[in-house]
PDB file of all heavy atoms in Angstrom:
ATOM      1  N   ALA A   1    -216.347  21.099  81.255  1.00  0.00           N
ATOM      2  CA  ALA A   1    -217.357  20.299  80.550  1.00  0.00           C
ATOM      3  C   ALA A   1    -217.039  20.256  79.055  1.00  0.00           C
ATOM      4  O   ALA A   1    -217.231  19.226  78.401  1.00  0.00           O
ATOM      5  CB  ALA A   1    -218.752  20.868  80.791  1.00  0.00           C
ATOM      6  N   ALA A   2    -216.527  21.364  78.512  1.00  0.00           N
ATOM      7  CA  ALA A   2    -216.122  21.386  77.102  1.00  0.00           C
ATOM      8  C   ALA A   2    -214.949  20.434  76.862  1.00  0.00           C
ATOM      9  O   ALA A   2    -214.867  19.801  75.802  1.00  0.00           O
ATOM     10  CB  ALA A   2    -215.766  22.804  76.666  1.00  0.00           C
ATOM     11  N   VAL A   3    -214.055  20.313  77.839  1.00  0.00           N
ATOM     12  CA  VAL A   3    -212.966  19.333  77.735  1.00  0.00           C
ATOM     13  C   VAL A   3    -213.562  17.931  77.666  1.00  0.00           C
ATOM     14  O   VAL A   3    -213.155  17.108  76.848  1.00  0.00           O
ATOM     15  CB  VAL A   3    -211.977  19.457  78.919  1.00  0.00           C
ATOM     16  CG1 VAL A   3    -210.977  18.304  78.919  1.00  0.00           C
ATOM     17  CG2 VAL A   3    -211.248  20.792  78.882  1.00  0.00           C
ATOM     18  N   ASP A   4    -214.544  17.649  78.536  1.00  0.00           N
ATOM     19  CA  ASP A   4    -215.239  16.357  78.494  1.00  0.00           C
ATOM     20  C   ASP A   4    -215.836  16.099  77.114  1.00  0.00           C
ATOM     21  O   ASP A   4    -215.712  15.003  76.571  1.00  0.00           O
ATOM     22  CB  ASP A   4    -216.393  16.317  79.503  1.00  0.00           C
ATOM     23  CG  ASP A   4    -215.975  15.908  80.892  1.00  0.00           C
ATOM     24  OD1 ASP A   4    -214.818  15.508  81.072  1.00  0.00           O
ATOM     25  OD2 ASP A   4    -216.817  15.992  81.798  1.00  0.00           O
ATOM     26  N   LEU A   5    -216.497  17.106  76.606  1.00  0.00           N
ATOM     27  CA  LEU A   5    -217.137  16.981  75.296  1.00  0.00           C
ATOM     28  C   LEU A   5    -216.101  16.666  74.220  1.00  0.00           C
ATOM     29  O   LEU A   5    -216.314  15.793  73.383  1.00  0.00           O
ATOM     30  CB  LEU A   5    -217.896  18.259  74.958  1.00  0.00           C
ATOM     31  CG  LEU A   5    -218.671  18.272  73.645  1.00  0.00           C
ATOM     32  CD1 LEU A   5    -219.724  17.178  73.633  1.00  0.00           C
ATOM     33  CD2 LEU A   5    -219.311  19.633  73.447  1.00  0.00           C
ATOM     34  N   GLY A   6    -214.988  17.361  74.275  1.00  0.00           N
ATOM     35  CA  GLY A   6    -213.922  17.105  73.309  1.00  0.00           C
ATOM     36  C   GLY A   6    -213.390  15.690  73.400  1.00  0.00           C
ATOM     37  O   GLY A   6    -213.069  15.062  72.383  1.00  0.00           O
ATOM     38  N   MET A   7    -213.305  15.160  74.611  1.00  0.00           N
ATOM     39  CA  MET A   7    -212.796  13.797  74.792  1.00  0.00           C
ATOM     40  C   MET A   7    -213.842  12.757  74.370  1.00  0.00           C
ATOM     41  O   MET A   7    -213.506  11.755  73.758  1.00  0.00           O
ATOM     42  CB  MET A   7    -212.395  13.572  76.251  1.00  0.00           C
ATOM     43  CG  MET A   7    -211.292  14.492  76.727  1.00  0.00           C
ATOM     44  SD  MET A   7    -209.788  14.392  75.759  1.00  0.00           S
ATOM     45  CE  MET A   7    -209.081  12.919  76.402  1.00  0.00           C
ATOM     46  N   SER A   8    -215.101  12.993  74.694  1.00  0.00           N
ATOM     47  CA  SER A   8    -216.134  12.000  74.399  1.00  0.00           C
ATOM     48  C   SER A   8    -216.459  11.926  72.917  1.00  0.00           C
ATOM     49  O   SER A   8    -216.916  10.900  72.434  1.00  0.00           O
ATOM     50  CB  SER A   8    -217.409  12.293  75.191  1.00  0.00           C
ATOM     51  OG  SER A   8    -218.044  13.455  74.713  1.00  0.00           O
ATOM     52  N   ASN A   9    -216.221  13.004  72.175  1.00  0.00           N
ATOM     53  CA  ASN A   9    -216.609  12.999  70.764  1.00  0.00           C
ATOM     54  C   ASN A   9    -215.810  11.992  69.968  1.00  0.00           C
ATOM     55  O   ASN A   9    -216.294  11.450  68.987  1.00  0.00           O
ATOM     56  CB  ASN A   9    -216.532  14.408  70.172  1.00  0.00           C
ATOM     57  CG  ASN A   9    -215.218  14.773  69.549  1.00  0.00           C
ATOM     58  OD1 ASN A   9    -214.839  14.233  68.525  1.00  0.00           O
ATOM     59  ND2 ASN A   9    -214.515  15.703  70.151  1.00  0.00           N
ATOM     60  N   TYR A  10    -214.601  11.686  70.400  1.00  0.00           N
ATOM     61  CA  TYR A  10    -213.800  10.708  69.659  1.00  0.00           C
ATOM     62  C   TYR A  10    -214.382   9.311  69.774  1.00  0.00           C
ATOM     63  O   TYR A  10    -214.286   8.518  68.851  1.00  0.00           O
ATOM     64  CB  TYR A  10    -212.347  10.727  70.151  1.00  0.00           C
ATOM     65  CG  TYR A  10    -211.653  12.004  69.780  1.00  0.00           C
ATOM     66  CD1 TYR A  10    -211.344  12.953  70.740  1.00  0.00           C
ATOM     67  CD2 TYR A  10    -211.345  12.289  68.458  1.00  0.00           C
ATOM     68  CE1 TYR A  10    -210.731  14.140  70.397  1.00  0.00           C
ATOM     69  CE2 TYR A  10    -210.742  13.480  68.105  1.00  0.00           C
ATOM     70  CZ  TYR A  10    -210.432  14.397  69.077  1.00  0.00           C
ATOM     71  OH  TYR A  10    -209.845  15.571  68.726  1.00  0.00           O
ATOM     72  N   ARG A  11    -214.987   9.009  70.908  1.00  0.00           N
ATOM     73  CA  ARG A  11    -215.602   7.695  71.074  1.00  0.00           C
ATOM     74  C   ARG A  11    -217.008   7.660  70.505  1.00  0.00           C
ATOM     75  O   ARG A  11    -217.368   6.777  69.748  1.00  0.00           O
ATOM     76  CB  ARG A  11    -215.660   7.323  72.556  1.00  0.00           C
ATOM     77  CG  ARG A  11    -214.316   7.011  73.173  1.00  0.00           C
ATOM     78  CD  ARG A  11    -214.509   6.746  74.617  1.00  0.00           C
ATOM     79  NE  ARG A  11    -215.131   7.972  75.159  1.00  0.00           N
ATOM     80  CZ  ARG A  11    -215.021   8.400  76.370  1.00  0.00           C
ATOM     81  NH1 ARG A  11    -214.365   7.728  77.226  1.00  0.00           N
ATOM     82  NH2 ARG A  11    -215.590   9.516  76.759  1.00  0.00           N
ATOM     83  N   ALA A  12    -217.815   8.626  70.899  1.00  0.00           N
ATOM     84  CA  ALA A  12    -219.237   8.584  70.586  1.00  0.00           C
ATOM     85  C   ALA A  12    -219.560   8.999  69.158  1.00  0.00           C
ATOM     86  O   ALA A  12    -220.474   8.451  68.547  1.00  0.00           O
ATOM     87  CB  ALA A  12    -220.014   9.470  71.556  1.00  0.00           C
ATOM     88  N   PHE A  13    -218.822   9.957  68.623  1.00  0.00           N
ATOM     89  CA  PHE A  13    -219.186  10.531  67.332  1.00  0.00           C
ATOM     90  C   PHE A  13    -218.104  10.324  66.280  1.00  0.00           C
ATOM     91  O   PHE A  13    -218.006  11.097  65.325  1.00  0.00           O
ATOM     92  CB  PHE A  13    -219.488  12.020  67.483  1.00  0.00           C
ATOM     93  CG  PHE A  13    -220.522  12.311  68.532  1.00  0.00           C
ATOM     94  CD1 PHE A  13    -220.228  13.112  69.623  1.00  0.00           C
ATOM     95  CD2 PHE A  13    -221.790  11.767  68.435  1.00  0.00           C
ATOM     96  CE1 PHE A  13    -221.178  13.379  70.587  1.00  0.00           C
ATOM     97  CE2 PHE A  13    -222.746  12.025  69.401  1.00  0.00           C
ATOM     98  CZ  PHE A  13    -222.438  12.839  70.485  1.00  0.00           C
ATOM     99  N   GLU A  14    -217.327   9.281  66.450  1.00  0.00           N
ATOM    100  CA  GLU A  14    -216.231   9.014  65.529  1.00  0.00           C
ATOM    101  C   GLU A  14    -216.736   8.896  64.091  1.00  0.00           C
ATOM    102  O   GLU A  14    -217.760   8.273  63.823  1.00  0.00           O
ATOM    103  CB  GLU A  14    -215.531   7.708  65.940  1.00  0.00           C
ATOM    104  CG  GLU A  14    -214.276   7.429  65.167  1.00  0.00           C
ATOM    105  CD  GLU A  14    -213.550   6.212  65.684  1.00  0.00           C
ATOM    106  OE1 GLU A  14    -214.173   5.372  66.357  1.00  0.00           O
ATOM    107  OE2 GLU A  14    -212.352   6.103  65.408  1.00  0.00           O
ATOM    108  N   ASN A  15    -216.014   9.553  63.206  1.00  0.00           N
ATOM    109  CA  ASN A  15    -216.307   9.525  61.768  1.00  0.00           C
ATOM    110  C   ASN A  15    -217.672  10.111  61.411  1.00  0.00           C
ATOM    111  O   ASN A  15    -218.315   9.666  60.460  1.00  0.00           O
ATOM    112  CB  ASN A  15    -216.179   8.099  61.207  1.00  0.00           C
ATOM    113  CG  ASN A  15    -214.782   7.560  61.367  1.00  0.00           C
ATOM    114  OD1 ASN A  15    -213.801   8.278  61.204  1.00  0.00           O
ATOM    115  ND2 ASN A  15    -214.679   6.282  61.696  1.00  0.00           N
ATOM    116  N   THR A  16    -218.120  11.083  62.190  1.00  0.00           N
ATOM    117  CA  THR A  16    -219.348  11.799  61.854  1.00  0.00           C
ATOM    118  C   THR A  16    -219.011  13.282  61.736  1.00  0.00           C
ATOM    119  O   THR A  16    -217.973  13.727  62.239  1.00  0.00           O
ATOM    120  CB  THR A  16    -220.442  11.628  62.938  1.00  0.00           C
ATOM    121  OG1 THR A  16    -220.029  12.316  64.130  1.00  0.00           O
ATOM    122  CG2 THR A  16    -220.718  10.170  63.243  1.00  0.00           C
ATOM    123  N   PRO A  17    -219.867  14.045  61.098  1.00  0.00           N
ATOM    124  CA  PRO A  17    -219.631  15.497  61.034  1.00  0.00           C
ATOM    125  C   PRO A  17    -219.586  16.147  62.418  1.00  0.00           C
ATOM    126  O   PRO A  17    -218.939  17.165  62.607  1.00  0.00           O
ATOM    127  CB  PRO A  17    -220.814  16.025  60.224  1.00  0.00           C
ATOM    128  CG  PRO A  17    -221.339  14.857  59.478  1.00  0.00           C
ATOM    129  CD  PRO A  17    -221.032  13.652  60.313  1.00  0.00           C
ATOM    130  N   LEU A  18    -220.257  15.529  63.397  1.00  0.00           N
ATOM    131  CA  LEU A  18    -220.255  16.085  64.742  1.00  0.00           C
ATOM    132  C   LEU A  18    -218.874  15.978  65.381  1.00  0.00           C
ATOM    133  O   LEU A  18    -218.461  16.865  66.133  1.00  0.00           O
ATOM    134  CB  LEU A  18    -221.316  15.408  65.611  1.00  0.00           C
ATOM    135  CG  LEU A  18    -221.558  16.017  66.985  1.00  0.00           C
ATOM    136  CD1 LEU A  18    -221.839  17.518  66.897  1.00  0.00           C
ATOM    137  CD2 LEU A  18    -222.710  15.303  67.672  1.00  0.00           C
ATOM    138  N   GLU A  19    -218.152  14.930  65.079  1.00  0.00           N
ATOM    139  CA  GLU A  19    -216.780  14.811  65.585  1.00  0.00           C
ATOM    140  C   GLU A  19    -215.954  16.011  65.114  1.00  0.00           C
ATOM    141  O   GLU A  19    -215.230  16.630  65.900  1.00  0.00           O
ATOM    142  CB  GLU A  19    -216.130  13.516  65.108  1.00  0.00           C
ATOM    143  CG  GLU A  19    -214.675  13.394  65.546  1.00  0.00           C
ATOM    144  CD  GLU A  19    -213.948  12.208  64.955  1.00  0.00           C
ATOM    145  OE1 GLU A  19    -214.363  11.692  63.897  1.00  0.00           O
ATOM    146  OE2 GLU A  19    -212.938  11.797  65.549  1.00  0.00           O
ATOM    147  N   THR A  20    -216.076  16.352  63.855  1.00  0.00           N
ATOM    148  CA  THR A  20    -215.340  17.486  63.300  1.00  0.00           C
ATOM    149  C   THR A  20    -215.779  18.791  63.940  1.00  0.00           C
ATOM    150  O   THR A  20    -214.944  19.627  64.310  1.00  0.00           O
ATOM    151  CB  THR A  20    -215.537  17.548  61.774  1.00  0.00           C
ATOM    152  OG1 THR A  20    -215.117  16.308  61.206  1.00  0.00           O
ATOM    153  CG2 THR A  20    -214.751  18.687  61.160  1.00  0.00           C
ATOM    154  N   ALA A  21    -217.078  18.974  64.094  1.00  0.00           N
ATOM    155  CA  ALA A  21    -217.601  20.221  64.675  1.00  0.00           C
ATOM    156  C   ALA A  21    -217.110  20.410  66.107  1.00  0.00           C
ATOM    157  O   ALA A  21    -216.696  21.512  66.496  1.00  0.00           O
ATOM    158  CB  ALA A  21    -219.128  20.225  64.622  1.00  0.00           C
ATOM    159  N   ILE A  22    -217.130  19.349  66.900  1.00  0.00           N
ATOM    160  CA  ILE A  22    -216.674  19.441  68.286  1.00  0.00           C
ATOM    161  C   ILE A  22    -215.157  19.617  68.333  1.00  0.00           C
ATOM    162  O   ILE A  22    -214.642  20.381  69.157  1.00  0.00           O
ATOM    163  CB  ILE A  22    -217.146  18.213  69.091  1.00  0.00           C
ATOM    164  CG1 ILE A  22    -218.670  18.249  69.230  1.00  0.00           C
ATOM    165  CG2 ILE A  22    -216.476  18.181  70.467  1.00  0.00           C
ATOM    166  CD1 ILE A  22    -219.275  16.995  69.816  1.00  0.00           C
ATOM    167  N   SER A  23    -214.451  18.943  67.461  1.00  0.00           N
ATOM    168  CA  SER A  23    -212.994  19.108  67.401  1.00  0.00           C
ATOM    169  C   SER A  23    -212.621  20.549  67.068  1.00  0.00           C
ATOM    170  O   SER A  23    -211.648  21.082  67.611  1.00  0.00           O
ATOM    171  CB  SER A  23    -212.384  18.160  66.370  1.00  0.00           C
ATOM    172  OG  SER A  23    -212.505  16.829  66.789  1.00  0.00           O
ATOM    173  N   ASN A  24    -213.385  21.173  66.198  1.00  0.00           N
ATOM    174  CA  ASN A  24    -213.127  22.578  65.853  1.00  0.00           C
ATOM    175  C   ASN A  24    -213.301  23.485  67.067  1.00  0.00           C
ATOM    176  O   ASN A  24    -212.520  24.424  67.268  1.00  0.00           O
ATOM    177  CB  ASN A  24    -214.043  23.032  64.723  1.00  0.00           C
ATOM    178  CG  ASN A  24    -213.684  22.394  63.400  1.00  0.00           C
ATOM    179  OD1 ASN A  24    -212.582  21.891  63.211  1.00  0.00           O
ATOM    180  ND2 ASN A  24    -214.629  22.393  62.479  1.00  0.00           N
ATOM    181  N   ILE A  25    -214.299  23.212  67.883  1.00  0.00           N
ATOM    182  CA  ILE A  25    -214.511  23.993  69.103  1.00  0.00           C
ATOM    183  C   ILE A  25    -213.353  23.774  70.071  1.00  0.00           C
ATOM    184  O   ILE A  25    -212.794  24.731  70.628  1.00  0.00           O
ATOM    185  CB  ILE A  25    -215.855  23.625  69.770  1.00  0.00           C
ATOM    186  CG1 ILE A  25    -217.018  24.118  68.915  1.00  0.00           C
ATOM    187  CG2 ILE A  25    -215.940  24.206  71.197  1.00  0.00           C
ATOM    188  CD1 ILE A  25    -218.370  23.623  69.365  1.00  0.00           C
ATOM    189  N   SER A  26    -212.975  22.519  70.265  1.00  0.00           N
ATOM    190  CA  SER A  26    -211.880  22.207  71.183  1.00  0.00           C
ATOM    191  C   SER A  26    -210.586  22.877  70.746  1.00  0.00           C
ATOM    192  O   SER A  26    -209.865  23.452  71.572  1.00  0.00           O
ATOM    193  CB  SER A  26    -211.672  20.689  71.273  1.00  0.00           C
ATOM    194  OG  SER A  26    -212.794  20.063  71.822  1.00  0.00           O
ATOM    195  N   GLU A  27    -210.304  22.820  69.468  1.00  0.00           N
ATOM    196  CA  GLU A  27    -209.078  23.439  68.949  1.00  0.00           C
ATOM    197  C   GLU A  27    -209.111  24.952  69.143  1.00  0.00           C
ATOM    198  O   GLU A  27    -208.114  25.563  69.542  1.00  0.00           O
ATOM    199  CB  GLU A  27    -208.909  23.096  67.474  1.00  0.00           C
ATOM    200  CG  GLU A  27    -207.648  23.665  66.868  1.00  0.00           C
ATOM    201  CD  GLU A  27    -207.479  23.306  65.401  1.00  0.00           C
ATOM    202  OE1 GLU A  27    -208.247  22.486  64.870  1.00  0.00           O
ATOM    203  OE2 GLU A  27    -206.554  23.866  64.788  1.00  0.00           O
ATOM    204  N   PHE A  28    -210.248  25.556  68.866  1.00  0.00           N
ATOM    205  CA  PHE A  28    -210.370  27.002  69.030  1.00  0.00           C
ATOM    206  C   PHE A  28    -210.164  27.397  70.494  1.00  0.00           C
ATOM    207  O   PHE A  28    -209.446  28.358  70.793  1.00  0.00           O
ATOM    208  CB  PHE A  28    -211.731  27.477  68.522  1.00  0.00           C
ATOM    209  CG  PHE A  28    -211.868  28.971  68.510  1.00  0.00           C
ATOM    210  CD1 PHE A  28    -211.377  29.707  67.445  1.00  0.00           C
ATOM    211  CD2 PHE A  28    -212.467  29.635  69.561  1.00  0.00           C
ATOM    212  CE1 PHE A  28    -211.493  31.097  67.433  1.00  0.00           C
ATOM    213  CE2 PHE A  28    -212.587  31.020  69.562  1.00  0.00           C
ATOM    214  CZ  PHE A  28    -212.094  31.749  68.494  1.00  0.00           C
ATOM    215  N   LEU A  29    -210.796  26.668  71.417  1.00  0.00           N
ATOM    216  CA  LEU A  29    -210.626  26.957  72.834  1.00  0.00           C
ATOM    217  C   LEU A  29    -209.174  26.766  73.260  1.00  0.00           C
ATOM    218  O   LEU A  29    -208.629  27.553  74.027  1.00  0.00           O
ATOM    219  CB  LEU A  29    -211.545  26.072  73.682  1.00  0.00           C
ATOM    220  CG  LEU A  29    -213.031  26.406  73.628  1.00  0.00           C
ATOM    221  CD1 LEU A  29    -213.849  25.320  74.320  1.00  0.00           C
ATOM    222  CD2 LEU A  29    -213.307  27.765  74.253  1.00  0.00           C
ATOM    223  N   TYR A  30    -208.554  25.721  72.759  1.00  0.00           N
ATOM    224  CA  TYR A  30    -207.160  25.424  73.098  1.00  0.00           C
ATOM    225  C   TYR A  30    -206.250  26.593  72.730  1.00  0.00           C
ATOM    226  O   TYR A  30    -205.346  26.944  73.484  1.00  0.00           O
ATOM    227  CB  TYR A  30    -206.719  24.148  72.380  1.00  0.00           C
ATOM    228  CG  TYR A  30    -205.335  23.679  72.749  1.00  0.00           C
ATOM    229  CD1 TYR A  30    -205.149  22.852  73.852  1.00  0.00           C
ATOM    230  CD2 TYR A  30    -204.228  24.067  72.012  1.00  0.00           C
ATOM    231  CE1 TYR A  30    -203.880  22.416  74.201  1.00  0.00           C
ATOM    232  CE2 TYR A  30    -202.952  23.633  72.358  1.00  0.00           C
ATOM    233  CZ  TYR A  30    -202.791  22.811  73.448  1.00  0.00           C
ATOM    234  OH  TYR A  30    -201.535  22.382  73.802  1.00  0.00           O
ATOM    235  N   HIS A  31    -206.511  27.198  71.608  1.00  0.00           N
ATOM    236  CA  HIS A  31    -205.662  28.295  71.143  1.00  0.00           C
ATOM    237  C   HIS A  31    -206.121  29.671  71.631  1.00  0.00           C
ATOM    238  O   HIS A  31    -205.335  30.623  71.595  1.00  0.00           O
ATOM    239  CB  HIS A  31    -205.581  28.300  69.615  1.00  0.00           C
ATOM    240  CG  HIS A  31    -204.860  27.107  69.078  1.00  0.00           C
ATOM    241  ND1 HIS A  31    -203.520  26.873  69.280  1.00  0.00           N
ATOM    242  CD2 HIS A  31    -205.298  26.058  68.361  1.00  0.00           C
ATOM    243  CE1 HIS A  31    -203.161  25.748  68.712  1.00  0.00           C
ATOM    244  NE2 HIS A  31    -204.224  25.225  68.142  1.00  0.00           N
ATOM    245  N   SER A  32    -207.358  29.789  72.088  1.00  0.00           N
ATOM    246  CA  SER A  32    -207.905  31.093  72.456  1.00  0.00           C
ATOM    247  C   SER A  32    -207.994  31.343  73.960  1.00  0.00           C
ATOM    248  O   SER A  32    -208.004  32.494  74.384  1.00  0.00           O
ATOM    249  CB  SER A  32    -209.304  31.261  71.872  1.00  0.00           C
ATOM    250  OG  SER A  32    -209.258  31.200  70.475  1.00  0.00           O
TER     251      SER A  32
END
């Protein structure tokens, strides 16, 4: 579901602070 969230944020929340916040979570999960 977090993968889904990471993918949907680019469409739904593009150019908002939420896009950055979700991207940070996705990146952290990817590396952790």
